[in-house]
Every structure is written in C-alpha cells, then in structure tokens.
Protein backbone atom coordinates (compact mmCIF):
# COMPACT_ATOMS: atom_id res chain seq x y z
CA MET A 1 25.05 22.84 -16.06
CA ASP A 2 28.00 22.63 -13.70
CA ASN A 3 31.50 23.84 -15.06
CA LEU A 4 34.00 21.11 -15.47
CA PHE A 5 36.76 23.75 -15.05
CA ASP A 6 35.79 25.44 -12.18
CA LEU A 7 38.40 25.75 -9.62
CA GLN A 8 36.58 27.91 -6.97
CA GLY A 9 37.85 27.04 -3.53
CA LYS A 10 40.67 25.27 -4.71
CA VAL A 11 44.30 26.18 -3.72
CA ALA A 12 47.32 25.65 -6.28
CA VAL A 13 50.96 25.69 -5.76
CA VAL A 14 53.15 26.30 -8.94
CA THR A 15 56.98 26.20 -8.74
CA GLY A 16 58.64 28.46 -11.46
CA SER A 17 55.60 30.44 -11.90
CA SER A 18 57.33 34.02 -12.32
CA ARG A 19 57.67 33.39 -16.10
CA GLY A 20 57.00 31.36 -19.01
CA ILE A 21 55.01 28.03 -18.85
CA GLY A 22 54.65 28.28 -15.01
CA ARG A 23 53.28 31.92 -15.24
CA ALA A 24 50.75 30.98 -17.93
CA ILE A 25 49.61 28.05 -15.83
CA ALA A 26 49.22 30.02 -12.67
CA LEU A 27 47.38 32.79 -14.32
CA ARG A 28 44.84 30.38 -15.87
CA LEU A 29 44.40 28.55 -12.85
CA ALA A 30 43.59 31.71 -11.01
CA GLN A 31 41.48 32.64 -13.91
CA HIS A 32 39.48 29.41 -13.14
CA GLY A 33 39.00 30.45 -9.49
CA ALA A 34 41.83 28.94 -7.89
CA LYS A 35 43.94 30.47 -5.18
CA LEU A 36 47.73 30.81 -5.96
CA VAL A 37 50.84 30.36 -4.30
CA ILE A 38 53.42 31.96 -6.90
CA SER A 39 56.95 30.42 -6.41
CA SER A 40 60.57 30.96 -8.04
CA ARG A 41 63.78 32.14 -6.55
CA LYS A 42 63.08 36.04 -7.02
CA ALA A 43 60.42 37.45 -4.45
CA GLU A 44 60.18 40.32 -6.91
CA ALA A 45 59.40 38.53 -10.08
CA CYS A 46 56.87 36.35 -8.42
CA GLU A 47 55.13 39.45 -6.67
CA THR A 48 54.54 41.09 -10.29
CA VAL A 49 52.73 37.67 -11.33
CA ALA A 50 50.68 37.84 -7.90
CA GLU A 51 49.61 41.44 -8.24
CA GLU A 52 48.50 40.80 -11.96
CA ILE A 53 46.09 37.59 -10.49
CA ARG A 54 44.99 40.24 -7.77
CA ALA A 55 44.15 42.80 -10.31
CA ASN A 56 42.06 40.62 -11.98
CA GLY A 57 39.91 39.52 -8.92
CA GLY A 58 41.92 36.73 -7.86
CA GLU A 59 43.71 35.65 -4.68
CA ALA A 60 47.75 34.90 -4.73
CA ILE A 61 50.54 34.95 -2.35
CA VAL A 62 54.17 34.80 -2.90
CA GLN A 63 56.77 32.27 -1.45
CA PRO A 64 60.28 32.41 -2.86
CA CYS A 65 61.76 29.19 -3.07
CA ASN A 66 65.11 27.54 -4.61
CA VAL A 67 63.77 23.97 -5.25
CA SER A 68 67.13 22.41 -4.99
CA ASP A 69 66.94 22.85 -1.09
CA LYS A 70 64.61 20.51 0.83
CA ALA A 71 63.91 23.14 3.57
CA GLN A 72 62.85 25.86 1.05
CA LEU A 73 60.23 23.30 -0.55
CA GLN A 74 58.92 22.55 3.03
CA ALA A 75 58.53 26.28 3.56
CA LEU A 76 56.67 26.60 0.16
CA ALA A 77 54.20 23.69 1.39
CA ASP A 78 53.80 25.45 4.58
CA ALA A 79 52.97 28.74 3.30
CA ALA A 80 49.83 27.65 1.31
CA MET A 81 49.04 25.25 4.49
CA LYS A 82 49.32 28.50 6.55
CA GLN A 83 47.54 30.81 4.36
CA TRP A 84 44.48 28.75 3.28
CA GLY A 85 44.90 25.43 5.23
CA ARG A 86 45.18 23.21 2.12
CA ILE A 87 46.85 22.31 -1.11
CA ASP A 88 44.41 20.85 -3.99
CA ILE A 89 46.66 21.25 -7.17
CA LEU A 90 50.45 21.25 -7.20
CA VAL A 91 52.11 21.96 -10.62
CA CYS A 92 56.06 21.08 -10.39
CA ASN A 93 57.18 23.42 -13.22
CA ALA A 94 60.60 24.59 -12.01
CA ALA A 95 63.42 22.98 -14.15
CA VAL A 96 66.93 23.80 -15.32
CA ASN A 97 69.41 22.79 -18.34
CA PRO A 98 72.94 24.19 -17.80
CA PHE A 99 74.63 21.92 -20.34
CA PHE A 100 74.10 21.66 -24.11
CA GLY A 101 76.32 19.01 -25.85
CA PRO A 102 77.12 15.51 -25.93
CA SER A 103 76.74 13.44 -22.71
CA LYS A 104 80.59 12.49 -22.42
CA ASP A 105 81.30 16.00 -22.19
CA ILE A 106 79.02 17.09 -19.37
CA PRO A 107 80.47 18.03 -16.23
CA ASP A 108 79.60 16.03 -12.97
CA ASP A 109 78.34 19.32 -11.35
CA ALA A 110 76.03 20.10 -14.15
CA PHE A 111 74.69 16.51 -14.45
CA ASP A 112 74.03 16.21 -10.65
CA LYS A 113 72.19 20.01 -10.76
CA ILE A 114 69.88 18.60 -13.65
CA MET A 115 68.82 15.41 -11.54
CA ASP A 116 68.46 17.53 -8.47
CA VAL A 117 66.15 20.28 -9.79
CA ASN A 118 64.39 18.28 -12.41
CA ILE A 119 63.66 15.11 -10.40
CA LYS A 120 64.63 14.98 -6.89
CA SER A 121 62.83 18.22 -5.97
CA ASN A 122 59.74 16.80 -7.49
CA HIS A 123 59.87 13.87 -5.67
CA TRP A 124 60.33 15.85 -2.47
CA LEU A 125 57.73 18.23 -3.04
CA CYS A 126 55.31 15.76 -4.22
CA ASN A 127 55.63 13.68 -1.20
CA MET A 128 55.43 16.45 0.89
CA VAL A 129 52.11 17.61 -0.38
CA ALA A 130 50.29 14.35 -1.36
CA PRO A 131 49.50 13.20 2.13
CA GLY A 132 47.68 16.34 2.94
CA MET A 133 45.84 15.84 -0.40
CA ALA A 134 44.83 12.25 0.87
CA GLU A 135 43.63 13.29 4.00
CA ARG A 136 41.49 15.90 2.60
CA GLY A 137 39.83 13.30 0.00
CA GLY A 138 41.98 14.00 -3.26
CA GLY A 139 44.30 16.52 -5.29
CA ALA A 140 45.92 16.81 -8.58
CA ILE A 141 49.71 16.76 -9.19
CA VAL A 142 50.95 17.88 -12.48
CA ILE A 143 54.37 17.91 -13.30
CA ILE A 144 55.88 19.51 -16.38
CA SER A 145 58.32 17.19 -18.22
CA SER A 146 59.09 17.59 -22.01
CA VAL A 147 58.92 15.71 -25.21
CA GLY A 148 62.92 15.60 -24.56
CA GLY A 149 62.14 12.65 -22.26
CA LEU A 150 60.56 10.62 -25.20
CA PHE A 151 63.29 10.54 -27.55
CA GLY A 152 67.19 10.33 -27.76
CA SER A 153 69.35 13.47 -28.13
CA SER A 154 73.11 14.21 -28.85
CA THR A 155 72.85 17.33 -27.24
CA LEU A 156 70.32 17.28 -24.49
CA GLY A 157 71.10 13.75 -23.13
CA ALA A 158 70.95 14.50 -19.28
CA TYR A 159 67.94 16.87 -19.31
CA GLY A 160 66.07 13.93 -21.56
CA ILE A 161 66.81 11.49 -18.78
CA SER A 162 65.48 13.75 -16.08
CA LYS A 163 62.42 14.44 -18.07
CA ALA A 164 61.80 10.77 -18.51
CA ALA A 165 62.14 10.22 -14.82
CA ASP A 166 59.50 12.78 -14.34
CA MET A 167 57.28 10.57 -16.34
CA GLN A 168 57.92 7.43 -14.40
CA LEU A 169 57.39 9.79 -11.20
CA ALA A 170 53.92 10.67 -12.19
CA ARG A 171 53.20 7.07 -12.76
CA ASN A 172 54.62 5.84 -9.27
CA LEU A 173 52.72 8.67 -7.61
CA ALA A 174 49.42 7.48 -9.27
CA VAL A 175 49.61 4.12 -8.26
CA GLU A 176 50.69 5.24 -4.77
CA TRP A 177 48.07 7.66 -3.97
CA GLY A 178 45.23 6.84 -6.47
CA PRO A 179 43.30 4.76 -3.89
CA GLN A 180 43.08 8.04 -1.96
CA ASN A 181 41.96 10.19 -4.90
CA VAL A 182 45.26 12.01 -5.43
CA ARG A 183 45.76 12.10 -9.17
CA ALA A 184 49.28 12.68 -10.94
CA ASN A 185 49.92 13.36 -14.59
CA CYS A 186 52.73 15.02 -16.83
CA ILE A 187 52.64 17.30 -19.42
CA ALA A 188 55.49 17.00 -22.07
CA PRO A 189 55.72 20.31 -23.80
CA GLY A 190 57.45 20.54 -27.31
CA LEU A 191 59.41 23.75 -28.27
CA ILE A 192 57.47 26.69 -26.55
CA LYS A 193 58.42 30.46 -26.67
CA THR A 194 59.92 30.95 -23.08
CA ASP A 195 63.10 32.45 -21.88
CA PHE A 196 64.25 28.78 -21.01
CA ALA A 197 64.17 27.82 -24.49
CA ARG A 198 65.19 31.15 -26.27
CA ALA A 199 68.18 29.87 -27.75
CA LEU A 200 66.15 27.38 -30.11
CA TRP A 201 63.28 30.03 -31.12
CA GLU A 202 64.82 33.44 -30.94
CA ASN A 203 66.91 33.00 -34.40
CA PRO A 204 64.34 32.35 -37.18
CA GLU A 205 66.58 29.86 -38.84
CA ILE A 206 67.13 27.88 -35.76
CA ALA A 207 63.38 27.99 -35.09
CA LYS A 208 62.63 26.79 -38.60
CA LYS A 209 64.93 23.99 -38.40
CA ALA A 210 63.78 22.85 -34.84
CA THR A 211 60.27 22.92 -35.86
CA LYS A 212 60.41 21.59 -39.37
CA GLY A 213 59.04 18.20 -38.21
CA TYR A 214 56.13 19.69 -36.26
CA ALA A 215 52.74 19.37 -38.09
CA LEU A 216 51.85 22.80 -37.19
CA ARG A 217 55.24 24.29 -38.41
CA ARG A 218 55.51 26.71 -35.61
CA VAL A 219 56.78 27.25 -31.84
CA GLY A 220 54.17 27.15 -29.04
CA GLU A 221 53.22 29.71 -26.73
CA PRO A 222 53.21 29.26 -22.84
CA ASP A 223 49.49 29.70 -22.78
CA GLU A 224 49.04 26.71 -25.08
CA ILE A 225 50.39 24.47 -22.31
CA ALA A 226 48.24 26.13 -19.53
CA GLY A 227 44.88 24.89 -20.64
CA ALA A 228 45.98 21.40 -20.18
CA ALA A 229 46.93 22.34 -16.47
CA VAL A 230 43.70 23.56 -15.97
CA PHE A 231 42.19 20.30 -17.26
CA LEU A 232 44.22 18.27 -15.11
CA GLY A 233 43.53 20.36 -12.02
CA SER A 234 40.18 20.20 -12.43
CA ARG A 235 36.94 17.74 -12.53
CA ALA A 236 37.41 17.75 -16.11
CA GLY A 237 40.45 15.62 -15.68
CA SER A 238 39.26 13.61 -12.66
CA PHE A 239 39.37 10.31 -14.42
CA MET A 240 43.04 10.77 -15.92
CA THR A 241 46.06 9.77 -13.77
CA GLY A 242 49.42 8.41 -14.43
CA GLN A 243 49.51 9.82 -17.99
CA THR A 244 51.76 12.18 -19.79
CA ILE A 245 49.93 14.36 -22.30
CA VAL A 246 52.35 15.56 -25.19
CA ILE A 247 51.69 19.06 -26.56
CA ASP A 248 54.33 19.56 -29.26
CA GLY A 249 52.49 21.01 -32.20
CA GLY A 250 52.39 17.35 -33.85
CA GLY A 251 56.03 16.93 -33.43
CA MET A 252 55.94 13.30 -32.17
CA VAL A 253 53.37 12.16 -34.82
CA ASN A 254 54.95 13.62 -37.54
CA PHE A 255 58.43 12.34 -36.65
CA GLN A 256 59.27 10.47 -39.71
CA SER A 257 59.14 13.55 -41.53
CA VAL A 258 62.12 15.23 -40.07
C-alpha cells in the first residue's frame, strides 16, 4: 500500500526552524523524505539542524532570514528554487512576542513588530511561494498560529490578534489558491515546551497553573506539533484546506473547568 505520509521528492521551507516547534517540524518532514530549507536569523544554529538531517540520510540547505525583511524572504524562496527548482511545502513558523501585559500599555513599536513578523511576513512569503506551487500542480502551506488567537487575553492581546489573523490568512489563501490545488491550513498549539514559552513552563508552579485547564494536565512537546505538519504537507491531508488544527492537550474543550 502507498504511504499516505510519504514526502519523497518534496521540497519544504520552514521558517524559524533552528529550534523549538520549527526544528521539530523540519526534522520530521525530512524523516518522511522531504528536502529541507532550514531558516532562522542565525546561520550557525540553522546549520546544526541541517547537519542533523544530513547525518540521518536526508538533504538540507541553510538560508538565514529575518522574516521582517521582505528582500530576505524573497532570497529564502529563491534559495530553494535555485537548489531544487520547486517548493512543495511552506511552513510559516517564525513569530515574536516582545510584550506581556495589558493592551493599553503596549508600546507602538512592540505592536508593530508583532504584526510585521507574525502576519505581514507570512502574507509576503505565502504570496511569493503560492504562484510557483500552482504552476507545478499544487502544494501545501502551513501557518503555525496559536490557541492565543481563539480567546481573549489581558496579557497577550496583540499576540492573540496576530495569531487570529494568521487563521484568516490561511482561509483567504485556501479560497484564492484552492482551484490550483494549493492548500493552506493553520496549526494552533497550546503551551509547548519551547524557549519561546519558557517563562510559562520552566517554573513548575506557573506551568501547573497554565495547564490546569488542559484535559491532559501537562505541557506539550515540540514533536507533538510536528506530526500535524507532516499530515498537512502530505497526501494524507490532501482534502484539508482553510482549517485550523488545535493541538492543546484538551485546553479548549475543557475550558469551562478553568
């Protein structure tokens, strides 16, 4: 029987893939046969991930990129095309959250940075890559959103706005590019054990409070997000588009118990 998750011959670009969720996704895509473009701001950190993929028999190149810079995003897309002549899977994972507190106190520059990195960069990169996918008969775009985009917050307001916008971006892309067999979906993780969320899980008491409403009563691991990206990028997910997959240990379904 054919393997629904086989990615042999596919090329995947993953932003923010030197650590955390992005790294886990890149490693798992490679494990299933995809060729990877590893990207984050620091080339050395990216090379470590690329070397791990190569050591396990995969193929990977490195293209450093600050996603807030449109020219660097274009260079990222161009690097994949120069190396392999195609992009089949795009994972927009890079994100920032430089402010924690009530919305009335957020500085304008922090608000602008969140919107630029978490929304505008994804809009740019997706629209750089989607036309080529369409020309080759299809492709898959995966945007890493957050459960923060599904409920209100007194401390993560701007971040939540950006992540809700990412869900809408995926829906728009799905409608625009669906006739050309380009699919676009979001993954909305709950609290995951990454450097990005370290303040919320490193202290056991804070972590317990943060996950008390989770049905599984624990913090998630990056690899527990990666499987969904493999699904969405493969033939297994070929009839899914415009959707948001929530992976939060049962936080949303158990919300009333918080």
